[in-house]
Amino acid sequence: MQTILNFIDGRFAPAASGRTIDNPEPATGEVYSTLPDSDAQDVAAAVAAAKKALPAWAATPAEERSRILLRVADLIDANLERLARAESIDSGKPLALARSVDIPRAAANFRFFATAILHTRSDLHQTGANVLNYTLRQPVGVCALISPWNLPLYLFTWKVAPALACGCTGVGKPSEVTPMTAFLLSELLAEAGLPPGALNIVHGRGATAGAPLIEHPDVRAISFTGGTSTGAAIARAAAPKFKKLSLELGGKNPNIVFADADLDAAADAALRAAFTNQGQICLCGSRVFVERPIYERFVDRLVEGARSLRVGDPLDAATQQGAVVSREHHAKIAAAVEQARRDGARVRCGGGPPSAPVSPRCADGSFYLPTVLTDAPPTCAAMQEEIFGPVVTVTPFDTEAEALALANGVRYGLASMVWTRGLDRAHRVAARLEAGIVWINCWMVRDLRTPFGGMKDSGVGREGGDEALRFFTEPRNVCVQLREHTP
């Protein structure tokens, strides 16, 4: 049994109350670790440590902050196998995915922002002959950094790295469902030489640890990734205190395939976009709209691909689909598919757990087969609400206008895909899609310099590149009146 601890002021400690939360492995259902059941007392200690560390860390030269963050990136690389295995056990995702994507991306987050902070620029304006106006960007202060369970280290570092690079201090609150790699990261931060208190990590539930963190008066900015309902609650709590707010929330992302698309490439990408990480990615293409002349061929290829995906023990190198994150989430996915059936959807493949255990070790694990639904009414829950599992709907369309109406006909607006060989159509549709990200003839191609985030109920604000550096700093205008020179 492993024991996860809080990381406060450079020291590891249990919750002040002594209470713990059991942490089961999704693939087996067995409790393999415990984490602190932290509350307002632990949060207060963490915020106090961050506040104490803020003046010195903010005054640390950018070159020194960069050096420490680059050291963290190197340590993540050096601990790749340990971190990948921990991520797989904790979340149920295939070890191969954690090894090739999640952990390398965590290192890349630190490396990118360590470099970006050395290349920031400020504005200067000459106002008349003798007046200069320039802009200082200074750390916003103590930040709450709250990350989700689906990409635990990947998205935790997406917040931690820019906050620290900008000279902020913070309190991280990883999901209590997948806490292990954030705990291991705290060890690497200490080893890299991060000053005590610059980043504190408090584990626990949203209601008892997350709520007091966002409401703490010394927290000046909140960066949250998670569900839309939780994001709305955070916005309500933060608004009266005028805290800076970045919310990256849910998605019900459309994938539009026109008849002139490369069918093989579009079908392969749709398979990945629907089922990578068991469909537990906010950017997944969970609604596919296919122009009618190629609809049946596309569905056949997608169903064939979904059936061919190997569902198995996440630690098996051959596994392509691991376990979903918990028994509770498994039940939610199953309920959503059953509701889709009642609403008239046709289950073309999947639609339940495997008929036999994927392995003896995983006999009690939370596995759900890749599921393709057709004939789902556009207004049904399966087409409107985020299932966040290995479930995709496929719907035909006849015109570009119809495709856009279907794609935009949800309350979310995070990401989208367009497949076409027509350059004019690609740009025209991209401009009309209500989404913060539009991929044309690709999916999940990311450049960390670009803004990341959504519109509508998918959140407010943007992360990545200059957007992140602006969020974690406050601009200050300085106006200088120069005296006339008298010879």
Foldseek 3Di string as FASTA:
>chain_A
DAEFFWQAQNDTDAAPVPDWDFAAFQLFRHGDYIHHAHFLVVLVRLLVLQQVCQVVLQPPDLLVLLQLLLQLLVVLVVCLLVLLVLLCRLFFAASVCSNPPLSNLLSVLSNVLSVQLVVDDWDWDDDPDFKIKIKDWGFQEEEEQEEESLSFSNRSSLQVRLLSSRRYAYEYEYALSRCPSVSVSSVSSVVSPDGGSSYIYHYHHCVGNVVSNLQPLRHQEYEYEEALVVLVVSCVNNVVSNHHYWYQHAAQAEEEEEPQFPLVLSLVQLLCLQQRSQLQDRRRHQEYEYAPVCQVVSVVSNLVVLVPAAEARSHDPRHRHTAGRHPVLLVLLLVLLVQQVVQPKDKPDWNAFDPARRDPSSRPHHGGGQIEIEPGPLPGCSNADDSSGNYHYYYYDHDPVVSQCSRQVYQWAAEYEYGHPDPVSQVVSVVSHQHPYYHYSHGDPDDQQDWHHHDGSSTDFTGGRVSSNPSRIDMDMDMDGGDDDDD
